Amino acid sequence: MLRGDVAGDPSGWARALADIDSVRDATRSRGAHIVLAVVSEAPLGDVPEDRAQSLIRQAGVERRWVSAAATGHAHSPQTHGR
């Protein structure tokens, strides 16, 4: 899931929780486990702890199965006039 949905506005957060519910329900009957990866374009740090705890409860996983990752595709700021 995207970091903007997890750490951003309430509509993105609601969408992230709904997505987790869908995945959890789909995997439950198959006996599969869920790993949550929160992805951002630039290294912005970990997921805020209150949001991480909510993700853990919603997905029914342990903290070790929630991870933050950066894609490394962030655009560098442009400098004009140099």
PDB file of N, CA and C in Angstrom:
ATOM      1  N   MET A   1       0.838  -1.160   0.000  1.00  0.00           N
ATOM      2  CA  MET A   1       0.000   0.000   0.000  1.00  0.00           C
ATOM      3  C   MET A   1       0.887   1.228   0.000  1.00  0.00           C
ATOM      4  N   LEU A   2       0.355   2.334  -0.458  1.00  0.00           N
ATOM      5  CA  LEU A   2       1.128   3.569  -0.557  1.00  0.00           C
ATOM      6  C   LEU A   2       1.163   4.304   0.772  1.00  0.00           C
ATOM      7  N   ARG A   3       2.321   4.882   1.072  1.00  0.00           N
ATOM      8  CA  ARG A   3       2.493   5.602   2.333  1.00  0.00           C
ATOM      9  C   ARG A   3       1.510   6.767   2.440  1.00  0.00           C
ATOM     10  N   GLY A   4       1.212   7.411   1.325  1.00  0.00           N
ATOM     11  CA  GLY A   4       0.262   8.519   1.341  1.00  0.00           C
ATOM     12  C   GLY A   4      -1.111   8.103   1.841  1.00  0.00           C
ATOM     13  N   ASP A   5      -1.508   6.877   1.549  1.00  0.00           N
ATOM     14  CA  ASP A   5      -2.791   6.369   2.040  1.00  0.00           C
ATOM     15  C   ASP A   5      -2.733   6.052   3.526  1.00  0.00           C
ATOM     16  N   VAL A   6      -1.566   5.601   3.988  1.00  0.00           N
ATOM     17  CA  VAL A   6      -1.422   5.215   5.388  1.00  0.00           C
ATOM     18  C   VAL A   6      -1.206   6.426   6.291  1.00  0.00           C
ATOM     19  N   ALA A   7      -0.373   7.356   5.873  1.00  0.00           N
ATOM     20  CA  ALA A   7      -0.020   8.490   6.720  1.00  0.00           C
ATOM     21  C   ALA A   7      -0.697   9.782   6.282  1.00  0.00           C
ATOM     22  N   GLY A   8      -1.554   9.705   5.280  1.00  0.00           N
ATOM     23  CA  GLY A   8      -2.149  10.914   4.730  1.00  0.00           C
ATOM     24  C   GLY A   8      -3.552  11.194   5.200  1.00  0.00           C
ATOM     25  N   ASP A   9      -4.361  11.654   4.267  1.00  0.00           N
ATOM     26  CA  ASP A   9      -5.707  12.125   4.584  1.00  0.00           C
ATOM     27  C   ASP A   9      -6.642  10.982   4.986  1.00  0.00           C
ATOM     28  N   PRO A  10      -7.734  11.309   5.651  1.00  0.00           N
ATOM     29  CA  PRO A  10      -8.667  10.285   6.143  1.00  0.00           C
ATOM     30  C   PRO A  10      -9.281   9.409   5.051  1.00  0.00           C
ATOM     31  N   SER A  11      -9.518   9.945   3.857  1.00  0.00           N
ATOM     32  CA  SER A  11     -10.105   9.106   2.804  1.00  0.00           C
ATOM     33  C   SER A  11      -9.110   8.052   2.329  1.00  0.00           C
ATOM     34  N   GLY A  12      -7.836   8.400   2.239  1.00  0.00           N
ATOM     35  CA  GLY A  12      -6.807   7.428   1.885  1.00  0.00           C
ATOM     36  C   GLY A  12      -6.664   6.365   2.957  1.00  0.00           C
ATOM     37  N   TRP A  13      -6.735   6.791   4.216  1.00  0.00           N
ATOM     38  CA  TRP A  13      -6.642   5.863   5.343  1.00  0.00           C
ATOM     39  C   TRP A  13      -7.815   4.886   5.331  1.00  0.00           C
ATOM     40  N   ALA A  14      -9.015   5.377   5.080  1.00  0.00           N
ATOM     41  CA  ALA A  14     -10.197   4.506   5.011  1.00  0.00           C
ATOM     42  C   ALA A  14     -10.059   3.514   3.868  1.00  0.00           C
ATOM     43  N   ARG A  15      -9.522   3.967   2.740  1.00  0.00           N
ATOM     44  CA  ARG A  15      -9.302   3.093   1.589  1.00  0.00           C
ATOM     45  C   ARG A  15      -8.277   2.005   1.935  1.00  0.00           C
ATOM     46  N   ALA A  16      -7.213   2.372   2.638  1.00  0.00           N
ATOM     47  CA  ALA A  16      -6.181   1.405   3.034  1.00  0.00           C
ATOM     48  C   ALA A  16      -6.779   0.335   3.945  1.00  0.00           C
ATOM     49  N   LEU A  17      -7.595   0.735   4.905  1.00  0.00           N
ATOM     50  CA  LEU A  17      -8.218  -0.236   5.815  1.00  0.00           C
ATOM     51  C   LEU A  17      -9.183  -1.156   5.067  1.00  0.00           C
ATOM     52  N   ALA A  18      -9.938  -0.602   4.114  1.00  0.00           N
ATOM     53  CA  ALA A  18     -10.851  -1.418   3.317  1.00  0.00           C
ATOM     54  C   ALA A  18     -10.071  -2.418   2.467  1.00  0.00           C
ATOM     55  N   ASP A  19      -8.939  -1.986   1.926  1.00  0.00           N
ATOM     56  CA  ASP A  19      -8.097  -2.896   1.138  1.00  0.00           C
ATOM     57  C   ASP A  19      -7.575  -4.038   2.007  1.00  0.00           C
ATOM     58  N   ILE A  20      -7.163  -3.718   3.220  1.00  0.00           N
ATOM     59  CA  ILE A  20      -6.680  -4.752   4.133  1.00  0.00           C
ATOM     60  C   ILE A  20      -7.792  -5.752   4.436  1.00  0.00           C
ATOM     61  N   ASP A  21      -8.995  -5.254   4.674  1.00  0.00           N
ATOM     62  CA  ASP A  21     -10.129  -6.158   4.929  1.00  0.00           C
ATOM     63  C   ASP A  21     -10.346  -7.102   3.754  1.00  0.00           C
ATOM     64  N   SER A  22     -10.275  -6.585   2.541  1.00  0.00           N
ATOM     65  CA  SER A  22     -10.483  -7.407   1.348  1.00  0.00           C
ATOM     66  C   SER A  22      -9.418  -8.489   1.228  1.00  0.00           C
ATOM     67  N   VAL A  23      -8.162  -8.112   1.445  1.00  0.00           N
ATOM     68  CA  VAL A  23      -7.077  -9.086   1.354  1.00  0.00           C
ATOM     69  C   VAL A  23      -7.189 -10.118   2.466  1.00  0.00           C
ATOM     70  N   ARG A  24      -7.447  -9.658   3.674  1.00  0.00           N
ATOM     71  CA  ARG A  24      -7.580 -10.584   4.806  1.00  0.00           C
ATOM     72  C   ARG A  24      -8.695 -11.593   4.564  1.00  0.00           C
ATOM     73  N   ASP A  25      -9.842 -11.126   4.087  1.00  0.00           N
ATOM     74  CA  ASP A  25     -10.970 -12.021   3.820  1.00  0.00           C
ATOM     75  C   ASP A  25     -10.641 -13.013   2.705  1.00  0.00           C
ATOM     76  N   ALA A  26      -9.925 -12.566   1.681  1.00  0.00           N
ATOM     77  CA  ALA A  26      -9.580 -13.444   0.561  1.00  0.00           C
ATOM     78  C   ALA A  26      -8.544 -14.496   0.958  1.00  0.00           C
ATOM     79  N   THR A  27      -7.655 -14.156   1.873  1.00  0.00           N
ATOM     80  CA  THR A  27      -6.594 -15.097   2.242  1.00  0.00           C
ATOM     81  C   THR A  27      -7.007 -16.042   3.368  1.00  0.00           C
ATOM     82  N   ARG A  28      -7.979 -15.664   4.140  1.00  0.00           N
ATOM     83  CA  ARG A  28      -8.385 -16.460   5.307  1.00  0.00           C
ATOM     84  C   ARG A  28      -8.750 -17.892   4.927  1.00  0.00           C
ATOM     85  N   SER A  29      -9.529 -18.071   3.893  1.00  0.00           N
ATOM     86  CA  SER A  29      -9.973 -19.414   3.509  1.00  0.00           C
ATOM     87  C   SER A  29      -8.845 -20.256   2.923  1.00  0.00           C
ATOM     88  N   ARG A  30      -7.783 -19.602   2.475  1.00  0.00           N
ATOM     89  CA  ARG A  30      -6.657 -20.320   1.877  1.00  0.00           C
ATOM     90  C   ARG A  30      -5.548 -20.613   2.881  1.00  0.00           C
ATOM     91  N   GLY A  31      -5.667 -20.099   4.087  1.00  0.00           N
ATOM     92  CA  GLY A  31      -4.636 -20.311   5.095  1.00  0.00           C
ATOM     93  C   GLY A  31      -3.363 -19.525   4.830  1.00  0.00           C
ATOM     94  N   ALA A  32      -3.453 -18.490   4.011  1.00  0.00           N
ATOM     95  CA  ALA A  32      -2.276 -17.677   3.678  1.00  0.00           C
ATOM     96  C   ALA A  32      -2.054 -16.610   4.744  1.00  0.00           C
ATOM     97  N   HIS A  33      -0.854 -16.103   4.805  1.00  0.00           N
ATOM     98  CA  HIS A  33      -0.503 -15.041   5.740  1.00  0.00           C
ATOM     99  C   HIS A  33      -0.346 -13.721   4.988  1.00  0.00           C
ATOM    100  N   ILE A  34      -0.519 -12.632   5.700  1.00  0.00           N
ATOM    101  CA  ILE A  34      -0.409 -11.301   5.108  1.00  0.00           C
ATOM    102  C   ILE A  34       0.880 -10.639   5.570  1.00  0.00           C
ATOM    103  N   VAL A  35       1.569 -10.015   4.616  1.00  0.00           N
ATOM    104  CA  VAL A  35       2.702  -9.143   4.910  1.00  0.00           C
ATOM    105  C   VAL A  35       2.328  -7.785   4.348  1.00  0.00           C
ATOM    106  N   LEU A  36       2.396  -6.751   5.172  1.00  0.00           N
ATOM    107  CA  LEU A  36       2.056  -5.406   4.721  1.00  0.00           C
ATOM    108  C   LEU A  36       3.328  -4.629   4.417  1.00  0.00           C
ATOM    109  N   ALA A  37       3.415  -4.091   3.221  1.00  0.00           N
ATOM    110  CA  ALA A  37       4.536  -3.234   2.844  1.00  0.00           C
ATOM    111  C   ALA A  37       3.979  -1.857   2.524  1.00  0.00           C
ATOM    112  N   VAL A  38       4.471  -0.856   3.220  1.00  0.00           N
ATOM    113  CA  VAL A  38       4.059   0.521   2.989  1.00  0.00           C
ATOM    114  C   VAL A  38       5.152   1.160   2.142  1.00  0.00           C
ATOM    115  N   VAL A  39       4.803   1.577   0.932  1.00  0.00           N
ATOM    116  CA  VAL A  39       5.785   2.014  -0.056  1.00  0.00           C
ATOM    117  C   VAL A  39       5.682   3.516  -0.289  1.00  0.00           C
ATOM    118  N   SER A  40       6.848   4.163  -0.368  1.00  0.00           N
ATOM    119  CA  SER A  40       6.911   5.587  -0.721  1.00  0.00           C
ATOM    120  C   SER A  40       8.000   5.777  -1.761  1.00  0.00           C
ATOM    121  N   GLU A  41       7.950   6.903  -2.461  1.00  0.00           N
ATOM    122  CA  GLU A  41       8.959   7.189  -3.481  1.00  0.00           C
ATOM    123  C   GLU A  41      10.294   7.572  -2.862  1.00  0.00           C
ATOM    124  N   ALA A  42      10.269   8.220  -1.738  1.00  0.00           N
ATOM    125  CA  ALA A  42      11.493   8.661  -1.079  1.00  0.00           C
ATOM    126  C   ALA A  42      11.506   8.125   0.345  1.00  0.00           C
ATOM    127  N   PRO A  43      12.690   7.917   0.905  1.00  0.00           N
ATOM    128  CA  PRO A  43      12.746   7.436   2.290  1.00  0.00           C
ATOM    129  C   PRO A  43      12.193   8.493   3.248  1.00  0.00           C
ATOM    130  N   LEU A  44      11.007   8.270   3.743  1.00  0.00           N
ATOM    131  CA  LEU A  44      10.345   9.240   4.623  1.00  0.00           C
ATOM    132  C   LEU A  44      10.249   8.739   6.058  1.00  0.00           C
ATOM    133  N   GLY A  45      10.923   7.663   6.363  1.00  0.00           N
ATOM    134  CA  GLY A  45      10.841   7.116   7.704  1.00  0.00           C
ATOM    135  C   GLY A  45       9.761   6.070   7.815  1.00  0.00           C
ATOM    136  N   ASP A  46       9.630   5.557   9.001  1.00  0.00           N
ATOM    137  CA  ASP A  46       8.659   4.504   9.250  1.00  0.00           C
ATOM    138  C   ASP A  46       7.238   5.045   9.252  1.00  0.00           C
ATOM    139  N   VAL A  47       6.318   4.124   9.255  1.00  0.00           N
ATOM    140  CA  VAL A  47       4.899   4.442   9.366  1.00  0.00           C
ATOM    141  C   VAL A  47       4.660   4.992  10.770  1.00  0.00           C
ATOM    142  N   PRO A  48       3.852   6.060  10.912  1.00  0.00           N
ATOM    143  CA  PRO A  48       3.552   6.560  12.255  1.00  0.00           C
ATOM    144  C   PRO A  48       3.029   5.425  13.146  1.00  0.00           C
ATOM    145  N   GLU A  49       3.483   5.381  14.387  1.00  0.00           N
ATOM    146  CA  GLU A  49       3.194   4.247  15.271  1.00  0.00           C
ATOM    147  C   GLU A  49       1.704   4.005  15.473  1.00  0.00           C
ATOM    148  N   ASP A  50       0.900   5.061  15.601  1.00  0.00           N
ATOM    149  CA  ASP A  50      -0.534   4.855  15.791  1.00  0.00           C
ATOM    150  C   ASP A  50      -1.160   4.194  14.567  1.00  0.00           C
ATOM    151  N   ARG A  51      -0.705   4.589  13.386  1.00  0.00           N
ATOM    152  CA  ARG A  51      -1.214   3.976  12.157  1.00  0.00           C
ATOM    153  C   ARG A  51      -0.709   2.535  12.024  1.00  0.00           C
ATOM    154  N   ALA A  52       0.549   2.294  12.386  1.00  0.00           N
ATOM    155  CA  ALA A  52       1.096   0.929  12.331  1.00  0.00           C
ATOM    156  C   ALA A  52       0.292   0.000  13.242  1.00  0.00           C
ATOM    157  N   GLN A  53      -0.026   0.461  14.446  1.00  0.00           N
ATOM    158  CA  GLN A  53      -0.817  -0.361  15.369  1.00  0.00           C
ATOM    159  C   GLN A  53      -2.199  -0.657  14.799  1.00  0.00           C
ATOM    160  N   SER A  54      -2.807   0.315  14.148  1.00  0.00           N
ATOM    161  CA  SER A  54      -4.118   0.095  13.532  1.00  0.00           C
ATOM    162  C   SER A  54      -4.026  -0.907  12.381  1.00  0.00           C
ATOM    163  N   LEU A  55      -2.973  -0.797  11.572  1.00  0.00           N
ATOM    164  CA  LEU A  55      -2.774  -1.751  10.480  1.00  0.00           C
ATOM    165  C   LEU A  55      -2.612  -3.166  11.021  1.00  0.00           C
ATOM    166  N   ILE A  56      -1.838  -3.287  12.084  1.00  0.00           N
ATOM    167  CA  ILE A  56      -1.590  -4.587  12.701  1.00  0.00           C
ATOM    168  C   ILE A  56      -2.899  -5.207  13.183  1.00  0.00           C
ATOM    169  N   ARG A  57      -3.707  -4.421  13.880  1.00  0.00           N
ATOM    170  CA  ARG A  57      -5.004  -4.921  14.368  1.00  0.00           C
ATOM    171  C   ARG A  57      -5.928  -5.283  13.209  1.00  0.00           C
ATOM    172  N   GLN A  58      -5.998  -4.401  12.213  1.00  0.00           N
ATOM    173  CA  GLN A  58      -6.904  -4.611  11.078  1.00  0.00           C
ATOM    174  C   GLN A  58      -6.535  -5.867  10.295  1.00  0.00           C
ATOM    175  N   ALA A  59      -5.244  -6.071  10.076  1.00  0.00           N
ATOM    176  CA  ALA A  59      -4.791  -7.216   9.281  1.00  0.00           C
ATOM    177  C   ALA A  59      -4.687  -8.492  10.105  1.00  0.00           C
ATOM    178  N   GLY A  60      -4.635  -8.347  11.429  1.00  0.00           N
ATOM    179  CA  GLY A  60      -4.487  -9.516  12.278  1.00  0.00           C
ATOM    180  C   GLY A  60      -3.099 -10.128  12.177  1.00  0.00           C
ATOM    181  N   VAL A  61      -2.078  -9.263  12.072  1.00  0.00           N
ATOM    182  CA  VAL A  61      -0.693  -9.736  11.950  1.00  0.00           C
ATOM    183  C   VAL A  61       0.152  -9.205  13.096  1.00  0.00           C
ATOM    184  N   GLU A  62       1.357  -9.747  13.234  1.00  0.00           N
ATOM    185  CA  GLU A  62       2.313  -9.248  14.213  1.00  0.00           C
ATOM    186  C   GLU A  62       3.068  -8.064  13.617  1.00  0.00           C
ATOM    187  N   ARG A  63       3.669  -7.253  14.484  1.00  0.00           N
ATOM    188  CA  ARG A  63       4.386  -6.052  14.048  1.00  0.00           C
ATOM    189  C   ARG A  63       5.493  -6.370  13.044  1.00  0.00           C
ATOM    190  N   ARG A  64       6.123  -7.517  13.180  1.00  0.00           N
ATOM    191  CA  ARG A  64       7.233  -7.860  12.291  1.00  0.00           C
ATOM    192  C   ARG A  64       6.790  -8.060  10.848  1.00  0.00           C
ATOM    193  N   TRP A  65       5.475  -8.186  10.591  1.00  0.00           N
ATOM    194  CA  TRP A  65       4.976  -8.371   9.235  1.00  0.00           C
ATOM    195  C   TRP A  65       4.536  -7.056   8.579  1.00  0.00           C
ATOM    196  N   VAL A  66       4.873  -5.930   9.208  1.00  0.00           N
ATOM    197  CA  VAL A  66       4.597  -4.605   8.641  1.00  0.00           C
ATOM    198  C   VAL A  66       5.933  -3.932   8.380  1.00  0.00           C
ATOM    199  N   SER A  67       6.135  -3.490   7.151  1.00  0.00           N
ATOM    200  CA  SER A  67       7.422  -2.930   6.767  1.00  0.00           C
ATOM    201  C   SER A  67       7.225  -1.682   5.918  1.00  0.00           C
ATOM    202  N   ALA A  68       8.177  -0.764   5.995  1.00  0.00           N
ATOM    203  CA  ALA A  68       8.189   0.430   5.150  1.00  0.00           C
ATOM    204  C   ALA A  68       9.303   0.263   4.125  1.00  0.00           C
ATOM    205  N   ALA A  69       9.054   0.680   2.885  1.00  0.00           N
ATOM    206  CA  ALA A  69      10.045   0.567   1.821  1.00  0.00           C
ATOM    207  C   ALA A  69       9.971   1.784   0.916  1.00  0.00           C
ATOM    208  N   ALA A  70      11.118   2.171   0.359  1.00  0.00           N
ATOM    209  CA  ALA A  70      11.181   3.285  -0.586  1.00  0.00           C
ATOM    210  C   ALA A  70      11.560   2.749  -1.959  1.00  0.00           C
ATOM    211  N   THR A  71      10.922   3.282  -2.984  1.00  0.00           N
ATOM    212  CA  THR A  71      11.200   2.826  -4.342  1.00  0.00           C
ATOM    213  C   THR A  71      12.456   3.456  -4.913  1.00  0.00           C
ATOM    214  N   GLY A  72      12.852   4.618  -4.368  1.00  0.00           N
ATOM    215  CA  GLY A  72      14.031   5.306  -4.877  1.00  0.00           C
ATOM    216  C   GLY A  72      13.766   6.079  -6.153  1.00  0.00           C
ATOM    217  N   HIS A  73      12.492   6.281  -6.500  1.00  0.00           N
ATOM    218  CA  HIS A  73      12.143   6.991  -7.725  1.00  0.00           C
ATOM    219  C   HIS A  73      11.698   8.419  -7.469  1.00  0.00           C
ATOM    220  N   ALA A  74      12.143   8.984  -6.377  1.00  0.00           N
ATOM    221  CA  ALA A  74      11.735  10.360  -6.060  1.00  0.00           C
ATOM    222  C   ALA A  74      12.408  11.316  -7.031  1.00  0.00           C
ATOM    223  N   HIS A  75      11.696  12.344  -7.384  1.00  0.00           N
ATOM    224  CA  HIS A  75      12.239  13.366  -8.269  1.00  0.00           C
ATOM    225  C   HIS A  75      13.008  14.377  -7.438  1.00  0.00           C
ATOM    226  N   SER A  76      14.196  14.704  -7.892  1.00  0.00           N
ATOM    227  CA  SER A  76      14.972  15.699  -7.166  1.00  0.00           C
ATOM    228  C   SER A  76      14.460  17.081  -7.530  1.00  0.00           C
ATOM    229  N   PRO A  77      14.563  18.025  -6.603  1.00  0.00           N
ATOM    230  CA  PRO A  77      14.081  19.371  -6.890  1.00  0.00           C
ATOM    231  C   PRO A  77      14.900  20.004  -8.014  1.00  0.00           C
ATOM    232  N   GLN A  78      14.229  20.745  -8.840  1.00  0.00           N
ATOM    233  CA  GLN A  78      14.925  21.399  -9.955  1.00  0.00           C
ATOM    234  C   GLN A  78      15.540  22.700  -9.470  1.00  0.00           C
ATOM    235  N   THR A  79      16.726  22.975  -9.972  1.00  0.00           N
ATOM    236  CA  THR A  79      17.353  24.264  -9.670  1.00  0.00           C
ATOM    237  C   THR A  79      17.384  25.065 -10.964  1.00  0.00           C
ATOM    238  N   HIS A  80      16.846  26.245 -10.909  1.00  0.00           N
ATOM    239  CA  HIS A  80      16.782  27.104 -12.090  1.00  0.00           C
ATOM    240  C   HIS A  80      17.835  28.185 -11.967  1.00  0.00           C
ATOM    241  N   GLY A  81      18.412  28.559 -13.123  1.00  0.00           N
ATOM    242  CA  GLY A  81      19.365  29.652 -13.147  1.00  0.00           C
ATOM    243  C   GLY A  81      20.782  29.243 -12.803  1.00  0.00           C
ATOM    244  N   ARG A  82      21.079  27.971 -12.771  1.00  0.00           N
ATOM    245  CA  ARG A  82      22.452  27.532 -12.466  1.00  0.00           C
ATOM    246  C   ARG A  82      23.064  26.844 -13.626  1.00  0.00           C
TER     247      ARG A  82
END
